[in-house]
């Protein structure tokens, strides 16, 4: 079965920028939720190893208990991206900036910090694209 061009563009999400927005929104919804939930199980990795000693000294409890709190924040961030990507993109970008600072203070984690710089750029791109493809509620009611 062949779809007319106009129909296929609608099914695929429209223009390439909209497709990029949808891909980033899905990624930054699912990834933080999965990683946040894994903070409680350590199935993907042993997360307390990613907490800089100076941060561990600042927060009460053990490094694993800190990871439980981190996990909650990450799950909430993923949900916020799903509901309000204009804000959620910036929230994830700020969270990633904090993670980058943490990782840069742990010898041997510079590669992970560099990866997170790329993720931060993606989160900022999501927030910027959301200004067009997921406008604020007040902007929709004015139009």
Protein backbone atom coordinates (compact mmCIF):
# COMPACT_ATOMS: atom_id res chain seq x y z
CA UNK A 1 0.00 0.00 0.00
CA UNK A 2 1.36 3.41 -0.97
CA UNK A 3 0.59 6.49 1.06
CA UNK A 4 0.29 9.88 -0.62
CA UNK A 5 3.24 12.15 0.20
CA UNK A 6 1.14 14.51 2.32
CA UNK A 7 -0.20 11.58 4.38
CA UNK A 8 3.25 10.02 4.91
CA UNK A 9 4.69 13.36 6.07
CA UNK A 10 1.92 13.57 8.69
CA UNK A 11 2.47 9.99 9.85
CA UNK A 12 6.24 10.54 10.14
CA UNK A 13 5.81 13.68 12.23
CA UNK A 14 6.27 16.32 9.56
CA UNK A 15 9.47 18.17 8.87
CA UNK A 16 12.93 16.98 9.96
CA UNK A 17 13.12 19.46 12.85
CA UNK A 18 9.84 18.10 14.25
CA UNK A 19 11.17 14.57 13.88
CA UNK A 20 14.32 15.60 15.79
CA UNK A 21 12.13 17.13 18.51
CA UNK A 22 10.07 13.94 18.84
CA UNK A 23 13.21 11.77 18.98
CA UNK A 24 14.84 13.99 21.62
CA UNK A 25 11.64 14.17 23.65
CA UNK A 26 11.28 10.38 23.68
CA UNK A 27 14.95 9.88 24.52
CA UNK A 28 15.02 12.43 27.34
CA UNK A 29 11.79 11.00 28.74
CA UNK A 30 12.81 7.33 28.74
CA UNK A 31 16.53 7.56 29.57
CA UNK A 32 16.24 9.55 32.82
CA UNK A 33 13.39 7.33 34.01
CA UNK A 34 15.34 4.14 33.27
CA UNK A 35 18.56 5.45 34.81
CA UNK A 36 16.63 6.87 37.77
CA UNK A 37 14.94 3.56 38.49
CA UNK A 38 18.26 1.76 38.15
CA UNK A 39 19.72 3.87 40.96
CA UNK A 40 17.75 1.60 43.31
CA UNK A 41 18.93 -1.67 41.74
CA UNK A 42 22.43 -0.99 40.34
CA UNK A 43 21.73 -3.40 37.47
CA UNK A 44 23.33 -1.24 34.77
CA UNK A 45 26.31 -0.20 36.87
CA UNK A 46 27.29 0.46 40.47
CA UNK A 47 26.05 4.06 40.67
CA UNK A 48 27.66 5.09 43.98
CA UNK A 49 31.04 4.91 42.22
CA UNK A 50 29.95 7.93 40.15
CA UNK A 51 29.50 10.12 43.22
CA UNK A 52 32.55 12.30 43.89
CA UNK A 53 33.94 11.84 47.42
CA UNK A 54 33.57 15.54 48.20
CA UNK A 55 29.85 15.37 47.34
CA UNK A 56 29.46 12.18 49.37
CA UNK A 57 30.98 14.07 52.32
CA UNK A 58 28.43 16.89 51.87
CA UNK A 59 25.25 14.83 51.70
CA UNK A 60 23.90 12.90 54.67
CA UNK A 61 23.86 9.10 54.59
CA UNK A 62 25.71 6.71 52.34
CA UNK A 63 26.56 7.10 48.68
CA UNK A 64 23.85 4.55 47.85
CA UNK A 65 21.28 6.57 49.78
CA UNK A 66 22.36 9.64 47.81
CA UNK A 67 21.79 7.62 44.63
CA UNK A 68 18.23 6.88 45.75
CA UNK A 69 17.62 10.64 45.90
CA UNK A 70 19.36 11.11 42.54
CA UNK A 71 17.11 8.42 41.10
CA UNK A 72 13.98 10.21 42.26
CA UNK A 73 15.17 13.46 40.68
CA UNK A 74 15.93 11.68 37.41
CA UNK A 75 12.53 9.98 37.26
CA UNK A 76 10.82 13.31 37.92
CA UNK A 77 12.98 14.97 35.22
CA UNK A 78 11.92 12.33 32.69
CA UNK A 79 8.25 12.85 33.53
CA UNK A 80 8.65 16.64 33.26
CA UNK A 81 10.21 16.23 29.79
CA UNK A 82 7.21 14.14 28.73
CA UNK A 83 4.69 16.67 30.04
CA UNK A 84 6.48 20.00 29.52
CA UNK A 85 9.50 19.61 27.23
CA UNK A 86 10.16 23.37 27.07
CA UNK A 87 10.95 23.34 30.79
CA UNK A 88 12.05 19.70 31.00
CA UNK A 89 14.82 20.14 28.45
CA UNK A 90 16.36 22.93 30.53
CA UNK A 91 15.85 20.91 33.73
CA UNK A 92 17.71 17.92 32.27
CA UNK A 93 20.44 20.21 30.90
CA UNK A 94 20.98 21.75 34.35
CA UNK A 95 21.02 18.30 35.97
CA UNK A 96 23.58 17.10 33.41
CA UNK A 97 25.74 20.17 34.12
CA UNK A 98 25.82 19.14 37.77
CA UNK A 99 26.69 15.58 36.83
CA UNK A 100 29.52 16.85 34.61
CA UNK A 101 30.98 18.88 37.49
CA UNK A 102 30.76 15.80 39.70
CA UNK A 103 32.46 13.56 37.12
CA UNK A 104 35.25 16.04 36.35
CA UNK A 105 36.30 15.82 40.00
CA UNK A 106 36.72 12.02 39.87
CA UNK A 107 39.90 10.80 38.16
CA UNK A 108 39.12 8.28 35.43
CA UNK A 109 35.61 9.54 34.64
CA UNK A 110 36.53 12.21 32.10
CA UNK A 111 35.19 10.12 29.20
CA UNK A 112 31.80 9.86 30.88
CA UNK A 113 31.83 13.60 31.55
CA UNK A 114 32.52 14.24 27.86
CA UNK A 115 29.61 11.97 26.89
CA UNK A 116 27.40 13.93 29.25
CA UNK A 117 28.43 17.18 27.52
CA UNK A 118 26.92 15.71 24.36
CA UNK A 119 23.77 14.76 26.26
CA UNK A 120 23.59 18.30 27.68
CA UNK A 121 23.73 19.69 24.13
CA UNK A 122 20.90 17.36 23.16
CA UNK A 123 18.81 18.51 26.14
CA UNK A 124 19.34 22.15 25.17
CA UNK A 125 18.36 21.31 21.58
CA UNK A 126 15.19 19.67 22.91
CA UNK A 127 14.32 22.77 24.93
CA UNK A 128 14.92 25.04 21.94
CA UNK A 129 12.90 22.84 19.56
CA UNK A 130 10.11 22.61 22.13
CA UNK A 131 9.68 26.37 21.88
CA UNK A 132 8.37 25.71 18.36
CA UNK A 133 6.85 22.22 18.57
CA UNK A 134 5.46 22.28 22.11
CA UNK A 135 4.64 25.92 22.77
CA UNK A 136 3.58 27.07 26.22
CA UNK A 137 -0.11 26.83 27.07
CA UNK A 138 -0.52 30.62 27.15
CA UNK A 139 0.90 30.94 23.64
CA UNK A 140 -1.67 28.42 22.35
CA UNK A 141 -4.60 30.25 23.89
CA UNK A 142 -3.55 33.62 22.43
CA UNK A 143 -3.38 32.34 18.86
